[in-house]
Amino acid sequence: LADADRYESVIARLDIEKAMAKLPEQEREIVSLHLTAELTFGEIADIVGLSVPSTYRRYRSAIKTLRDELNGGLL
């Protein structure tokens, strides 16, 4: 059972990486900075040169795209 869980984990990670690669570079950067580096939208906005609301909108758009892409692969 542990091998099956490990296999599913690897498949899920590959699916996420594939979906992330389809995002525009700036959206990919925003998502990575928020989820991986745990930066605030204010900190990310400074890094990417956008306003905080624009940064948040791009993040939400990217998350929606990822959800749609990943759900499409699961159906």
C-alpha atoms as a PDB file:
ATOM      1  CA  LEU A   1       0.000   0.000   0.000  1.00  0.00           C
ATOM      2  CA  ALA A   2       2.860   2.382   0.727  1.00  0.00           C
ATOM      3  CA  ASP A   3       4.215   1.905  -2.811  1.00  0.00           C
ATOM      4  CA  ALA A   4       0.797   2.703  -4.276  1.00  0.00           C
ATOM      5  CA  ASP A   5       0.594   5.866  -2.157  1.00  0.00           C
ATOM      6  CA  ARG A   6       4.072   6.904  -3.262  1.00  0.00           C
ATOM      7  CA  TYR A   7       3.138   6.277  -6.903  1.00  0.00           C
ATOM      8  CA  GLU A   8      -0.038   8.387  -6.578  1.00  0.00           C
ATOM      9  CA  SER A   9       1.991  11.157  -4.932  1.00  0.00           C
ATOM     10  CA  VAL A  10       4.490  11.201  -7.803  1.00  0.00           C
ATOM     11  CA  ILE A  11       1.695  11.227 -10.392  1.00  0.00           C
ATOM     12  CA  ALA A  12      -0.042  14.106  -8.597  1.00  0.00           C
ATOM     13  CA  ARG A  13       3.215  16.086  -8.434  1.00  0.00           C
ATOM     14  CA  LEU A  14       3.832  15.542 -12.150  1.00  0.00           C
ATOM     15  CA  ASP A  15       0.283  16.651 -12.945  1.00  0.00           C
ATOM     16  CA  ILE A  16       0.778  19.832 -10.896  1.00  0.00           C
ATOM     17  CA  GLU A  17       4.120  20.569 -12.559  1.00  0.00           C
ATOM     18  CA  LYS A  18       2.562  20.064 -16.002  1.00  0.00           C
ATOM     19  CA  ALA A  19      -0.350  22.375 -15.146  1.00  0.00           C
ATOM     20  CA  MET A  20       2.010  25.009 -13.677  1.00  0.00           C
ATOM     21  CA  ALA A  21       4.083  24.968 -16.866  1.00  0.00           C
ATOM     22  CA  LYS A  22       1.021  26.063 -18.825  1.00  0.00           C
ATOM     23  CA  LEU A  23       0.636  29.255 -16.776  1.00  0.00           C
ATOM     24  CA  PRO A  24       2.146  32.525 -17.977  1.00  0.00           C
ATOM     25  CA  GLU A  25       5.544  33.086 -16.368  1.00  0.00           C
ATOM     26  CA  GLN A  26       4.393  35.905 -14.088  1.00  0.00           C
ATOM     27  CA  GLU A  27       1.430  33.915 -12.765  1.00  0.00           C
ATOM     28  CA  ARG A  28       3.688  30.922 -12.177  1.00  0.00           C
ATOM     29  CA  GLU A  29       6.071  33.158 -10.221  1.00  0.00           C
ATOM     30  CA  ILE A  30       3.255  34.643  -8.118  1.00  0.00           C
ATOM     31  CA  VAL A  31       1.836  31.215  -7.252  1.00  0.00           C
ATOM     32  CA  SER A  32       5.276  29.848  -6.392  1.00  0.00           C
ATOM     33  CA  LEU A  33       6.200  32.826  -4.230  1.00  0.00           C
ATOM     34  CA  HIS A  34       2.930  32.622  -2.323  1.00  0.00           C
ATOM     35  CA  LEU A  35       2.638  28.862  -1.872  1.00  0.00           C
ATOM     36  CA  THR A  36       6.279  27.829  -1.681  1.00  0.00           C
ATOM     37  CA  ALA A  37       8.043  30.857  -0.219  1.00  0.00           C
ATOM     38  CA  GLU A  38       4.949  31.829   1.822  1.00  0.00           C
ATOM     39  CA  LEU A  39       5.321  35.506   0.914  1.00  0.00           C
ATOM     40  CA  THR A  40       2.433  37.928   1.352  1.00  0.00           C
ATOM     41  CA  PHE A  41       0.776  39.510  -1.651  1.00  0.00           C
ATOM     42  CA  GLY A  42       2.371  42.818  -0.631  1.00  0.00           C
ATOM     43  CA  GLU A  43       5.837  41.257  -0.720  1.00  0.00           C
ATOM     44  CA  ILE A  44       5.095  39.531  -4.019  1.00  0.00           C
ATOM     45  CA  ALA A  45       3.736  42.760  -5.530  1.00  0.00           C
ATOM     46  CA  ASP A  46       7.055  44.469  -4.733  1.00  0.00           C
ATOM     47  CA  ILE A  47       8.992  41.648  -6.380  1.00  0.00           C
ATOM     48  CA  VAL A  48       6.926  41.421  -9.573  1.00  0.00           C
ATOM     49  CA  GLY A  49       6.260  45.151  -9.903  1.00  0.00           C
ATOM     50  CA  LEU A  50       2.471  45.078  -9.695  1.00  0.00           C
ATOM     51  CA  SER A  51      -0.056  46.554  -7.294  1.00  0.00           C
ATOM     52  CA  VAL A  52      -1.270  44.306  -4.481  1.00  0.00           C
ATOM     53  CA  PRO A  53      -4.784  43.990  -6.006  1.00  0.00           C
ATOM     54  CA  SER A  54      -3.333  43.095  -9.421  1.00  0.00           C
ATOM     55  CA  THR A  55      -1.038  40.529  -7.843  1.00  0.00           C
ATOM     56  CA  TYR A  56      -3.943  38.960  -5.964  1.00  0.00           C
ATOM     57  CA  ARG A  57      -6.135  38.895  -9.101  1.00  0.00           C
ATOM     58  CA  ARG A  58      -3.386  37.150 -11.067  1.00  0.00           C
ATOM     59  CA  TYR A  59      -2.923  34.654  -8.246  1.00  0.00           C
ATOM     60  CA  ARG A  60      -6.658  33.859  -8.145  1.00  0.00           C
ATOM     61  CA  SER A  61      -6.751  33.533 -11.936  1.00  0.00           C
ATOM     62  CA  ALA A  62      -3.777  31.173 -11.875  1.00  0.00           C
ATOM     63  CA  ILE A  63      -5.344  29.038  -9.136  1.00  0.00           C
ATOM     64  CA  LYS A  64      -8.585  28.796 -11.135  1.00  0.00           C
ATOM     65  CA  THR A  65      -6.627  27.763 -14.227  1.00  0.00           C
ATOM     66  CA  LEU A  66      -4.740  25.128 -12.222  1.00  0.00           C
ATOM     67  CA  ARG A  67      -7.949  23.757 -10.703  1.00  0.00           C
ATOM     68  CA  ASP A  68      -9.615  23.575 -14.114  1.00  0.00           C
ATOM     69  CA  GLU A  69      -6.568  21.884 -15.635  1.00  0.00           C
ATOM     70  CA  LEU A  70      -6.169  19.371 -12.818  1.00  0.00           C
ATOM     71  CA  ASN A  71      -9.897  18.581 -12.589  1.00  0.00           C
ATOM     72  CA  GLY A  72     -10.009  18.097 -16.342  1.00  0.00           C
ATOM     73  CA  GLY A  73      -7.253  15.525 -16.051  1.00  0.00           C
ATOM     74  CA  LEU A  74      -9.126  13.651 -13.352  1.00  0.00           C
ATOM     75  CA  LEU A  75     -12.440  13.294 -15.174  1.00  0.00           C
END
